[in-house]
Amino acid sequence: MAEQQTGQKAPIDKLITLPQDVEKAINSKKTATRRNGKHAEPGDIMVLNGIKFEITNVYEQSLGELTDADAQTEGFDNVEAYKQSILAMHPGMPWLPQMKVWVHEFRKI
């Protein structure tokens, strides 16, 4: 869900939903997630399986700007592994370098 023109954001409880991503976050192997829409602001709290996480940074990034270090914050070894995972979840979606996504960085509290 994209951010609405009125400045509304998508629900924070939809930020991380895949069980494998929840597990990565709980085990501190995932410290960021990229979404088409903005789900949170810095300081917001999300809860995954009863564990609280604070959103520490939110910004836009193009897919072409992704680095291996960025992919590692998502719990992947490199950009190619991250890209293949995203494309497998969204069949038919093109990977366009100019496509913008919202990066949500977080930490366990």
Protein backbone atom coordinates (compact mmCIF):
# COMPACT_ATOMS: atom_id res chain seq x y z
CA MET A 1 0.00 0.00 0.00
CA ALA A 2 1.49 3.33 -1.00
CA GLU A 3 1.49 6.38 1.21
CA GLN A 4 -1.67 8.39 0.67
CA GLN A 5 -1.51 11.94 -0.67
CA THR A 6 -2.92 13.11 2.67
CA GLY A 7 0.25 11.91 4.44
CA GLN A 8 -1.39 8.81 5.89
CA LYS A 9 0.88 5.84 6.23
CA ALA A 10 0.21 2.13 5.88
CA PRO A 11 -0.30 0.20 9.14
CA ILE A 12 2.91 -0.59 11.04
CA ASP A 13 1.62 -4.11 11.73
CA LYS A 14 1.95 -4.78 7.99
CA LEU A 15 5.61 -3.72 7.90
CA ILE A 16 7.05 -7.22 8.50
CA THR A 17 4.65 -10.12 7.98
CA LEU A 18 6.55 -13.08 6.53
CA PRO A 19 7.47 -15.60 9.24
CA GLN A 20 11.05 -15.92 7.98
CA ASP A 21 11.48 -12.13 8.11
CA VAL A 22 10.00 -11.96 11.62
CA GLU A 23 12.49 -14.63 12.70
CA LYS A 24 15.39 -12.72 11.11
CA ALA A 25 14.36 -9.54 12.94
CA ILE A 26 14.03 -11.32 16.29
CA ASN A 27 17.49 -12.84 15.79
CA SER A 28 18.94 -9.43 14.79
CA LYS A 29 19.80 -10.68 11.28
CA LYS A 30 17.32 -8.17 9.79
CA THR A 31 17.49 -4.52 10.88
CA ALA A 32 15.71 -2.88 7.95
CA THR A 33 12.86 -3.55 5.58
CA ARG A 34 11.93 -1.96 2.28
CA ARG A 35 8.34 -1.43 1.25
CA ASN A 36 6.44 0.38 -1.49
CA GLY A 37 4.61 2.43 1.13
CA LYS A 38 5.63 4.29 4.24
CA HIS A 39 4.54 2.34 7.33
CA ALA A 40 6.19 4.21 10.20
CA GLU A 41 8.09 7.22 11.45
CA PRO A 42 11.24 7.24 13.58
CA GLY A 43 10.26 6.55 17.19
CA ASP A 44 7.27 4.36 16.28
CA ILE A 45 7.14 0.95 17.93
CA MET A 46 6.32 -2.32 16.19
CA VAL A 47 5.78 -5.62 17.97
CA LEU A 48 6.80 -8.95 16.42
CA ASN A 49 5.85 -12.07 18.37
CA GLY A 50 5.68 -10.04 21.57
CA ILE A 51 9.09 -8.40 21.05
CA LYS A 52 9.25 -4.63 20.65
CA PHE A 53 11.27 -2.83 17.99
CA GLU A 54 11.79 0.90 17.59
CA ILE A 55 11.83 2.44 14.13
CA THR A 56 15.08 4.43 14.04
CA ASN A 57 15.12 5.82 10.49
CA VAL A 58 12.77 6.07 7.50
CA TYR A 59 13.82 7.28 4.05
CA GLU A 60 13.32 6.71 0.33
CA GLN A 61 15.83 4.78 -1.75
CA SER A 62 15.85 3.64 -5.37
CA LEU A 63 16.43 -0.03 -6.12
CA GLY A 64 19.44 1.00 -8.20
CA GLU A 65 21.08 2.49 -5.10
CA LEU A 66 20.97 -0.80 -3.15
CA THR A 67 24.35 -2.12 -2.02
CA ASP A 68 25.36 -5.47 -0.59
CA ALA A 69 25.50 -3.75 2.82
CA ASP A 70 21.85 -2.70 2.36
CA ALA A 71 20.90 -6.27 1.43
CA GLN A 72 22.63 -7.50 4.58
CA THR A 73 20.38 -5.26 6.71
CA GLU A 74 17.51 -7.19 5.10
CA GLY A 75 19.07 -10.50 6.12
CA PHE A 76 20.58 -11.44 2.75
CA ASP A 77 24.20 -11.93 1.70
CA ASN A 78 24.07 -9.56 -1.26
CA VAL A 79 21.80 -7.51 -3.53
CA GLU A 80 21.30 -10.36 -6.01
CA ALA A 81 20.00 -12.70 -3.29
CA TYR A 82 17.66 -9.97 -2.01
CA LYS A 83 16.46 -9.19 -5.54
CA GLN A 84 15.71 -12.86 -6.30
CA SER A 85 13.75 -13.18 -3.06
CA ILE A 86 11.63 -10.11 -3.85
CA LEU A 87 10.98 -11.21 -7.44
CA ALA A 88 9.97 -14.71 -6.24
CA MET A 89 7.40 -13.13 -3.88
CA HIS A 90 6.06 -10.82 -6.60
CA PRO A 91 5.90 -12.78 -9.88
CA GLY A 92 5.85 -10.52 -12.92
CA MET A 93 7.13 -7.49 -11.00
CA PRO A 94 9.99 -5.80 -12.83
CA TRP A 95 13.11 -4.79 -10.92
CA LEU A 96 13.53 -1.21 -12.07
CA PRO A 97 16.65 0.63 -10.85
CA GLN A 98 14.71 3.92 -10.69
CA MET A 99 11.84 2.43 -8.60
CA LYS A 100 11.68 4.08 -5.18
CA VAL A 101 10.97 2.18 -1.98
CA TRP A 102 10.66 3.24 1.65
CA VAL A 103 13.43 1.98 3.92
CA HIS A 104 12.41 1.40 7.55
CA GLU A 105 15.39 0.80 9.87
CA PHE A 106 14.70 -0.59 13.32
CA ARG A 107 16.27 -1.96 16.48
CA LYS A 108 15.12 -4.33 19.19
CA ILE A 109 14.27 -2.60 22.48
